Amino acid sequence: MTTYQKANAVPGSTQEAMKVKYTAKTHTSGGRRGGVSGSDDGRLDVKFSAPGVPGTGTNPEQLFAAGWSPVSLVPWGLWPTG
């Protein structure tokens, strides 16, 4: 928690008690046309292609949507449990 966050945290709030549990690290080179990105643990390895043009990779918008879609399921209780 930064100094600003500490100074502005509401006593007893979850913000005050939060601790970082996981940090993801990736390396990306190139851009949306022929770029690549991978995680430091090797579990993510993608090639990029621009939307609407021929290519073998995903476009950054698809990757963003795939990353955020599981997070949006949590408030509705749709998170898989098994």
PDB file of N, CA and C in Angstrom:
ATOM      1  N   MET A   1       0.851  -1.172   0.000  1.00  0.00           N
ATOM      2  CA  MET A   1       0.000   0.000   0.000  1.00  0.00           C
ATOM      3  C   MET A   1       0.899   1.238   0.000  1.00  0.00           C
ATOM      4  N   THR A   2       0.586   2.170  -0.879  1.00  0.00           N
ATOM      5  CA  THR A   2       1.390   3.386  -0.964  1.00  0.00           C
ATOM      6  C   THR A   2       1.105   4.302   0.219  1.00  0.00           C
ATOM      7  N   THR A   3       1.939   5.314   0.398  1.00  0.00           N
ATOM      8  CA  THR A   3       1.733   6.289   1.469  1.00  0.00           C
ATOM      9  C   THR A   3       0.389   6.985   1.289  1.00  0.00           C
ATOM     10  N   TYR A   4       0.044   7.332   0.035  1.00  0.00           N
ATOM     11  CA  TYR A   4      -1.239   7.977  -0.245  1.00  0.00           C
ATOM     12  C   TYR A   4      -2.393   7.066   0.163  1.00  0.00           C
ATOM     13  N   GLN A   5      -2.297   5.789  -0.190  1.00  0.00           N
ATOM     14  CA  GLN A   5      -3.365   4.855   0.152  1.00  0.00           C
ATOM     15  C   GLN A   5      -3.493   4.699   1.660  1.00  0.00           C
ATOM     16  N   LYS A   6      -2.361   4.640   2.366  1.00  0.00           N
ATOM     17  CA  LYS A   6      -2.403   4.523   3.823  1.00  0.00           C
ATOM     18  C   LYS A   6      -3.064   5.738   4.446  1.00  0.00           C
ATOM     19  N   ALA A   7      -2.739   6.919   3.940  1.00  0.00           N
ATOM     20  CA  ALA A   7      -3.288   8.151   4.498  1.00  0.00           C
ATOM     21  C   ALA A   7      -4.780   8.285   4.228  1.00  0.00           C
ATOM     22  N   ASN A   8      -5.268   7.675   3.155  1.00  0.00           N
ATOM     23  CA  ASN A   8      -6.663   7.832   2.770  1.00  0.00           C
ATOM     24  C   ASN A   8      -7.512   6.590   3.005  1.00  0.00           C
ATOM     25  N   ALA A   9      -6.958   5.567   3.603  1.00  0.00           N
ATOM     26  CA  ALA A   9      -7.717   4.347   3.864  1.00  0.00           C
ATOM     27  C   ALA A   9      -8.713   4.583   4.993  1.00  0.00           C
ATOM     28  N   VAL A  10      -9.891   4.029   4.825  1.00  0.00           N
ATOM     29  CA  VAL A  10     -10.914   4.124   5.858  1.00  0.00           C
ATOM     30  C   VAL A  10     -10.619   3.037   6.888  1.00  0.00           C
ATOM     31  N   PRO A  11     -10.496   3.401   8.181  1.00  0.00           N
ATOM     32  CA  PRO A  11     -10.217   2.391   9.203  1.00  0.00           C
ATOM     33  C   PRO A  11     -11.248   1.262   9.159  1.00  0.00           C
ATOM     34  N   GLY A  12     -10.757   0.036   9.182  1.00  0.00           N
ATOM     35  CA  GLY A  12     -11.628  -1.135   9.157  1.00  0.00           C
ATOM     36  C   GLY A  12     -12.085  -1.544   7.767  1.00  0.00           C
ATOM     37  N   SER A  13     -11.680  -0.810   6.737  1.00  0.00           N
ATOM     38  CA  SER A  13     -12.096  -1.155   5.379  1.00  0.00           C
ATOM     39  C   SER A  13     -11.225  -2.280   4.838  1.00  0.00           C
ATOM     40  N   THR A  14     -11.694  -2.908   3.771  1.00  0.00           N
ATOM     41  CA  THR A  14     -10.899  -3.968   3.155  1.00  0.00           C
ATOM     42  C   THR A  14      -9.644  -3.401   2.514  1.00  0.00           C
ATOM     43  N   GLN A  15      -9.701  -2.135   2.094  1.00  0.00           N
ATOM     44  CA  GLN A  15      -8.521  -1.511   1.488  1.00  0.00           C
ATOM     45  C   GLN A  15      -7.364  -1.505   2.474  1.00  0.00           C
ATOM     46  N   GLU A  16      -7.670  -1.282   3.721  1.00  0.00           N
ATOM     47  CA  GLU A  16      -6.636  -1.219   4.742  1.00  0.00           C
ATOM     48  C   GLU A  16      -5.973  -2.581   4.950  1.00  0.00           C
ATOM     49  N   ALA A  17      -6.731  -3.670   4.763  1.00  0.00           N
ATOM     50  CA  ALA A  17      -6.222  -5.003   5.055  1.00  0.00           C
ATOM     51  C   ALA A  17      -5.708  -5.756   3.829  1.00  0.00           C
ATOM     52  N   MET A  18      -5.809  -5.177   2.636  1.00  0.00           N
ATOM     53  CA  MET A  18      -5.406  -5.887   1.426  1.00  0.00           C
ATOM     54  C   MET A  18      -3.905  -6.096   1.353  1.00  0.00           C
ATOM     55  N   LYS A  19      -3.540  -7.273   0.888  1.00  0.00           N
ATOM     56  CA  LYS A  19      -2.142  -7.604   0.650  1.00  0.00           C
ATOM     57  C   LYS A  19      -2.040  -8.228  -0.732  1.00  0.00           C
ATOM     58  N   VAL A  20      -0.964  -7.951  -1.431  1.00  0.00           N
ATOM     59  CA  VAL A  20      -0.757  -8.524  -2.755  1.00  0.00           C
ATOM     60  C   VAL A  20      -0.513 -10.016  -2.599  1.00  0.00           C
ATOM     61  N   LYS A  21      -1.306 -10.815  -3.314  1.00  0.00           N
ATOM     62  CA  LYS A  21      -1.158 -12.269  -3.247  1.00  0.00           C
ATOM     63  C   LYS A  21      -0.518 -12.843  -4.492  1.00  0.00           C
ATOM     64  N   TYR A  22      -0.593 -12.098  -5.583  1.00  0.00           N
ATOM     65  CA  TYR A  22      -0.075 -12.627  -6.842  1.00  0.00           C
ATOM     66  C   TYR A  22       0.269 -11.465  -7.763  1.00  0.00           C
ATOM     67  N   THR A  23       1.364 -11.572  -8.441  1.00  0.00           N
ATOM     68  CA  THR A  23       1.752 -10.586  -9.437  1.00  0.00           C
ATOM     69  C   THR A  23       2.104 -11.326 -10.722  1.00  0.00           C
ATOM     70  N   ALA A  24       1.455 -10.954 -11.804  1.00  0.00           N
ATOM     71  CA  ALA A  24       1.731 -11.565 -13.103  1.00  0.00           C
ATOM     72  C   ALA A  24       2.770 -10.734 -13.839  1.00  0.00           C
ATOM     73  N   LYS A  25       3.674 -11.413 -14.523  1.00  0.00           N
ATOM     74  CA  LYS A  25       4.705 -10.725 -15.298  1.00  0.00           C
ATOM     75  C   LYS A  25       4.707 -11.276 -16.714  1.00  0.00           C
ATOM     76  N   THR A  26       4.682 -10.359 -17.697  1.00  0.00           N
ATOM     77  CA  THR A  26       4.737 -10.757 -19.097  1.00  0.00           C
ATOM     78  C   THR A  26       5.751  -9.901 -19.837  1.00  0.00           C
ATOM     79  N   HIS A  27       6.152 -10.385 -20.986  1.00  0.00           N
ATOM     80  CA  HIS A  27       7.025  -9.621 -21.868  1.00  0.00           C
ATOM     81  C   HIS A  27       6.370  -9.594 -23.240  1.00  0.00           C
ATOM     82  N   THR A  28       6.265  -8.411 -23.811  1.00  0.00           N
ATOM     83  CA  THR A  28       5.649  -8.247 -25.120  1.00  0.00           C
ATOM     84  C   THR A  28       6.622  -7.538 -26.043  1.00  0.00           C
ATOM     85  N   SER A  29       6.708  -8.023 -27.262  1.00  0.00           N
ATOM     86  CA  SER A  29       7.513  -7.337 -28.271  1.00  0.00           C
ATOM     87  C   SER A  29       6.684  -7.223 -29.539  1.00  0.00           C
ATOM     88  N   GLY A  30       6.915  -6.159 -30.271  1.00  0.00           N
ATOM     89  CA  GLY A  30       6.119  -5.923 -31.459  1.00  0.00           C
ATOM     90  C   GLY A  30       4.793  -5.299 -31.087  1.00  0.00           C
ATOM     91  N   GLY A  31       3.929  -5.199 -32.046  1.00  0.00           N
ATOM     92  CA  GLY A  31       2.630  -4.587 -31.822  1.00  0.00           C
ATOM     93  C   GLY A  31       1.514  -5.521 -32.204  1.00  0.00           C
ATOM     94  N   ARG A  32       0.396  -4.923 -32.520  1.00  0.00           N
ATOM     95  CA  ARG A  32      -0.791  -5.718 -32.826  1.00  0.00           C
ATOM     96  C   ARG A  32      -0.696  -6.442 -34.161  1.00  0.00           C
ATOM     97  N   ARG A  33       0.283  -6.140 -34.971  1.00  0.00           N
ATOM     98  CA  ARG A  33       0.470  -6.845 -36.254  1.00  0.00           C
ATOM     99  C   ARG A  33       1.767  -7.636 -36.193  1.00  0.00           C
ATOM    100  N   GLY A  34       1.676  -8.860 -35.730  1.00  0.00           N
ATOM    101  CA  GLY A  34       2.843  -9.730 -35.694  1.00  0.00           C
ATOM    102  C   GLY A  34       3.615  -9.724 -34.395  1.00  0.00           C
ATOM    103  N   GLY A  35       3.113  -9.030 -33.383  1.00  0.00           N
ATOM    104  CA  GLY A  35       3.787  -9.024 -32.088  1.00  0.00           C
ATOM    105  C   GLY A  35       3.562 -10.321 -31.335  1.00  0.00           C
ATOM    106  N   VAL A  36       4.304 -10.507 -30.269  1.00  0.00           N
ATOM    107  CA  VAL A  36       4.166 -11.693 -29.423  1.00  0.00           C
ATOM    108  C   VAL A  36       4.195 -11.269 -27.959  1.00  0.00           C
ATOM    109  N   SER A  37       3.593 -12.084 -27.117  1.00  0.00           N
ATOM    110  CA  SER A  37       3.597 -11.833 -25.682  1.00  0.00           C
ATOM    111  C   SER A  37       3.648 -13.170 -24.960  1.00  0.00           C
ATOM    112  N   GLY A  38       4.376 -13.209 -23.872  1.00  0.00           N
ATOM    113  CA  GLY A  38       4.474 -14.432 -23.084  1.00  0.00           C
ATOM    114  C   GLY A  38       4.681 -14.122 -21.619  1.00  0.00           C
ATOM    115  N   SER A  39       4.264 -15.030 -20.778  1.00  0.00           N
ATOM    116  CA  SER A  39       4.428 -14.848 -19.333  1.00  0.00           C
ATOM    117  C   SER A  39       5.753 -15.449 -18.874  1.00  0.00           C
ATOM    118  N   ASP A  40       6.229 -14.972 -17.738  1.00  0.00           N
ATOM    119  CA  ASP A  40       7.506 -15.450 -17.233  1.00  0.00           C
ATOM    120  C   ASP A  40       7.460 -16.912 -16.798  1.00  0.00           C
ATOM    121  N   ASP A  41       6.248 -17.435 -16.506  1.00  0.00           N
ATOM    122  CA  ASP A  41       6.144 -18.844 -16.119  1.00  0.00           C
ATOM    123  C   ASP A  41       5.870 -19.766 -17.314  1.00  0.00           C
ATOM    124  N   GLY A  42       5.753 -19.188 -18.520  1.00  0.00           N
ATOM    125  CA  GLY A  42       5.553 -19.989 -19.724  1.00  0.00           C
ATOM    126  C   GLY A  42       4.127 -20.432 -19.991  1.00  0.00           C
ATOM    127  N   ARG A  43       3.180 -20.032 -19.153  1.00  0.00           N
ATOM    128  CA  ARG A  43       1.807 -20.480 -19.328  1.00  0.00           C
ATOM    129  C   ARG A  43       1.043 -19.670 -20.367  1.00  0.00           C
ATOM    130  N   LEU A  44       1.552 -18.488 -20.709  1.00  0.00           N
ATOM    131  CA  LEU A  44       0.934 -17.662 -21.741  1.00  0.00           C
ATOM    132  C   LEU A  44       1.940 -17.445 -22.854  1.00  0.00           C
ATOM    133  N   ASP A  45       1.522 -17.748 -24.063  1.00  0.00           N
ATOM    134  CA  ASP A  45       2.383 -17.571 -25.225  1.00  0.00           C
ATOM    135  C   ASP A  45       1.468 -17.268 -26.411  1.00  0.00           C
ATOM    136  N   VAL A  46       1.333 -15.989 -26.777  1.00  0.00           N
ATOM    137  CA  VAL A  46       0.399 -15.613 -27.826  1.00  0.00           C
ATOM    138  C   VAL A  46       1.067 -14.782 -28.910  1.00  0.00           C
ATOM    139  N   LYS A  47       0.508 -14.907 -30.112  1.00  0.00           N
ATOM    140  CA  LYS A  47       0.892 -14.071 -31.248  1.00  0.00           C
ATOM    141  C   LYS A  47      -0.266 -13.113 -31.489  1.00  0.00           C
ATOM    142  N   PHE A  48       0.050 -11.887 -31.896  1.00  0.00           N
ATOM    143  CA  PHE A  48      -0.981 -10.896 -32.146  1.00  0.00           C
ATOM    144  C   PHE A  48      -1.223 -10.690 -33.632  1.00  0.00           C
ATOM    145  N   SER A  49      -2.473 -10.437 -33.964  1.00  0.00           N
ATOM    146  CA  SER A  49      -2.895 -10.026 -35.304  1.00  0.00           C
ATOM    147  C   SER A  49      -3.890  -8.895 -35.110  1.00  0.00           C
ATOM    148  N   ALA A  50      -3.898  -7.953 -36.027  1.00  0.00           N
ATOM    149  CA  ALA A  50      -4.855  -6.851 -35.948  1.00  0.00           C
ATOM    150  C   ALA A  50      -6.253  -7.366 -36.257  1.00  0.00           C
ATOM    151  N   PRO A  51      -7.278  -6.779 -35.653  1.00  0.00           N
ATOM    152  CA  PRO A  51      -8.642  -7.213 -35.945  1.00  0.00           C
ATOM    153  C   PRO A  51      -9.025  -6.908 -37.398  1.00  0.00           C
ATOM    154  N   GLY A  52      -9.750  -7.832 -38.003  1.00  0.00           N
ATOM    155  CA  GLY A  52     -10.268  -7.622 -39.339  1.00  0.00           C
ATOM    156  C   GLY A  52      -9.293  -7.862 -40.478  1.00  0.00           C
ATOM    157  N   VAL A  53      -8.087  -8.310 -40.163  1.00  0.00           N
ATOM    158  CA  VAL A  53      -7.123  -8.610 -41.225  1.00  0.00           C
ATOM    159  C   VAL A  53      -6.661 -10.050 -41.070  1.00  0.00           C
ATOM    160  N   PRO A  54      -6.225 -10.683 -42.154  1.00  0.00           N
ATOM    161  CA  PRO A  54      -5.750 -12.060 -42.042  1.00  0.00           C
ATOM    162  C   PRO A  54      -4.558 -12.161 -41.082  1.00  0.00           C
ATOM    163  N   GLY A  55      -4.506 -13.236 -40.368  1.00  0.00           N
ATOM    164  CA  GLY A  55      -3.405 -13.474 -39.448  1.00  0.00           C
ATOM    165  C   GLY A  55      -3.664 -14.706 -38.621  1.00  0.00           C
ATOM    166  N   THR A  56      -2.644 -15.216 -37.994  1.00  0.00           N
ATOM    167  CA  THR A  56      -2.782 -16.447 -37.215  1.00  0.00           C
ATOM    168  C   THR A  56      -2.924 -16.191 -35.719  1.00  0.00           C
ATOM    169  N   GLY A  57      -2.764 -14.950 -35.295  1.00  0.00           N
ATOM    170  CA  GLY A  57      -2.816 -14.657 -33.867  1.00  0.00           C
ATOM    171  C   GLY A  57      -4.145 -14.080 -33.431  1.00  0.00           C
ATOM    172  N   THR A  58      -4.245 -13.841 -32.133  1.00  0.00           N
ATOM    173  CA  THR A  58      -5.417 -13.173 -31.574  1.00  0.00           C
ATOM    174  C   THR A  58      -5.198 -11.672 -31.646  1.00  0.00           C
ATOM    175  N   ASN A  59      -6.271 -10.912 -31.561  1.00  0.00           N
ATOM    176  CA  ASN A  59      -6.065  -9.473 -31.511  1.00  0.00           C
ATOM    177  C   ASN A  59      -6.108  -9.020 -30.052  1.00  0.00           C
ATOM    178  N   PRO A  60      -5.492  -7.913 -29.728  1.00  0.00           N
ATOM    179  CA  PRO A  60      -5.422  -7.474 -28.333  1.00  0.00           C
ATOM    180  C   PRO A  60      -6.784  -7.307 -27.670  1.00  0.00           C
ATOM    181  N   GLU A  61      -7.798  -6.925 -28.443  1.00  0.00           N
ATOM    182  CA  GLU A  61      -9.141  -6.778 -27.876  1.00  0.00           C
ATOM    183  C   GLU A  61      -9.697  -8.121 -27.410  1.00  0.00           C
ATOM    184  N   GLN A  62      -9.432  -9.184 -28.166  1.00  0.00           N
ATOM    185  CA  GLN A  62      -9.881 -10.519 -27.751  1.00  0.00           C
ATOM    186  C   GLN A  62      -9.170 -10.953 -26.476  1.00  0.00           C
ATOM    187  N   LEU A  63      -7.891 -10.665 -26.410  1.00  0.00           N
ATOM    188  CA  LEU A  63      -7.119 -11.034 -25.224  1.00  0.00           C
ATOM    189  C   LEU A  63      -7.625 -10.287 -24.001  1.00  0.00           C
ATOM    190  N   PHE A  64      -7.914  -9.002 -24.158  1.00  0.00           N
ATOM    191  CA  PHE A  64      -8.465  -8.208 -23.063  1.00  0.00           C
ATOM    192  C   PHE A  64      -9.809  -8.771 -22.611  1.00  0.00           C
ATOM    193  N   ALA A  65     -10.685  -9.088 -23.569  1.00  0.00           N
ATOM    194  CA  ALA A  65     -11.998  -9.643 -23.237  1.00  0.00           C
ATOM    195  C   ALA A  65     -11.873 -10.980 -22.521  1.00  0.00           C
ATOM    196  N   ALA A  66     -10.963 -11.829 -22.970  1.00  0.00           N
ATOM    197  CA  ALA A  66     -10.772 -13.142 -22.342  1.00  0.00           C
ATOM    198  C   ALA A  66     -10.244 -12.991 -20.922  1.00  0.00           C
ATOM    199  N   GLY A  67      -9.399 -12.009 -20.691  1.00  0.00           N
ATOM    200  CA  GLY A  67      -8.844 -11.800 -19.355  1.00  0.00           C
ATOM    201  C   GLY A  67      -9.857 -11.256 -18.359  1.00  0.00           C
ATOM    202  N   TRP A  68     -10.761 -10.404 -18.825  1.00  0.00           N
ATOM    203  CA  TRP A  68     -11.731  -9.782 -17.923  1.00  0.00           C
ATOM    204  C   TRP A  68     -13.027 -10.567 -17.785  1.00  0.00           C
ATOM    205  N   SER A  69     -13.344 -11.437 -18.720  1.00  0.00           N
ATOM    206  CA  SER A  69     -14.633 -12.138 -18.644  1.00  0.00           C
ATOM    207  C   SER A  69     -14.776 -13.004 -17.387  1.00  0.00           C
ATOM    208  N   PRO A  70     -13.752 -13.721 -16.928  1.00  0.00           N
ATOM    209  CA  PRO A  70     -13.931 -14.489 -15.697  1.00  0.00           C
ATOM    210  C   PRO A  70     -14.159 -13.594 -14.481  1.00  0.00           C
ATOM    211  N   VAL A  71     -13.560 -12.421 -14.474  1.00  0.00           N
ATOM    212  CA  VAL A  71     -13.718 -11.503 -13.350  1.00  0.00           C
ATOM    213  C   VAL A  71     -15.161 -11.017 -13.267  1.00  0.00           C
ATOM    214  N   SER A  72     -15.811 -10.816 -14.416  1.00  0.00           N
ATOM    215  CA  SER A  72     -17.185 -10.319 -14.414  1.00  0.00           C
ATOM    216  C   SER A  72     -18.180 -11.375 -13.950  1.00  0.00           C
ATOM    217  N   LEU A  73     -17.802 -12.637 -13.899  1.00  0.00           N
ATOM    218  CA  LEU A  73     -18.702 -13.697 -13.440  1.00  0.00           C
ATOM    219  C   LEU A  73     -18.819 -13.742 -11.921  1.00  0.00           C
ATOM    220  N   VAL A  74     -17.829 -13.256 -11.217  1.00  0.00           N
ATOM    221  CA  VAL A  74     -17.794 -13.350  -9.761  1.00  0.00           C
ATOM    222  C   VAL A  74     -18.983 -12.668  -9.081  1.00  0.00           C
ATOM    223  N   PRO A  75     -19.352 -11.423  -9.449  1.00  0.00           N
ATOM    224  CA  PRO A  75     -20.469 -10.775  -8.740  1.00  0.00           C
ATOM    225  C   PRO A  75     -21.797 -11.501  -8.855  1.00  0.00           C
ATOM    226  N   TRP A  76     -21.978 -12.289  -9.898  1.00  0.00           N
ATOM    227  CA  TRP A  76     -23.231 -13.003 -10.091  1.00  0.00           C
ATOM    228  C   TRP A  76     -23.185 -14.432  -9.547  1.00  0.00           C
ATOM    229  N   GLY A  77     -22.109 -14.790  -8.895  1.00  0.00           N
ATOM    230  CA  GLY A  77     -22.006 -16.128  -8.339  1.00  0.00           C
ATOM    231  C   GLY A  77     -21.852 -17.214  -9.381  1.00  0.00           C
ATOM    232  N   LEU A  78     -21.346 -16.867 -10.545  1.00  0.00           N
ATOM    233  CA  LEU A  78     -21.215 -17.842 -11.626  1.00  0.00           C
ATOM    234  C   LEU A  78     -19.832 -18.433 -11.720  1.00  0.00           C
ATOM    235  N   TRP A  79     -18.983 -18.151 -10.765  1.00  0.00           N
ATOM    236  CA  TRP A  79     -17.621 -18.656 -10.775  1.00  0.00           C
ATOM    237  C   TRP A  79     -17.640 -20.159 -10.587  1.00  0.00           C
ATOM    238  N   PRO A  80     -16.963 -20.923 -11.444  1.00  0.00           N
ATOM    239  CA  PRO A  80     -16.955 -22.389 -11.301  1.00  0.00           C
ATOM    240  C   PRO A  80     -16.310 -22.809  -9.984  1.00  0.00           C
ATOM    241  N   THR A  81     -16.884 -23.796  -9.335  1.00  0.00           N
ATOM    242  CA  THR A  81     -16.374 -24.240  -8.032  1.00  0.00           C
ATOM    243  C   THR A  81     -15.662 -25.584  -8.099  1.00  0.00           C
ATOM    244  N   GLY A  82     -15.703 -26.263  -9.175  1.00  0.00           N
ATOM    245  CA  GLY A  82     -15.118 -27.579  -9.206  1.00  0.00           C
ATOM    246  C   GLY A  82     -14.190 -27.747 -10.284  1.00  0.00           C
TER     247      GLY A  82
END
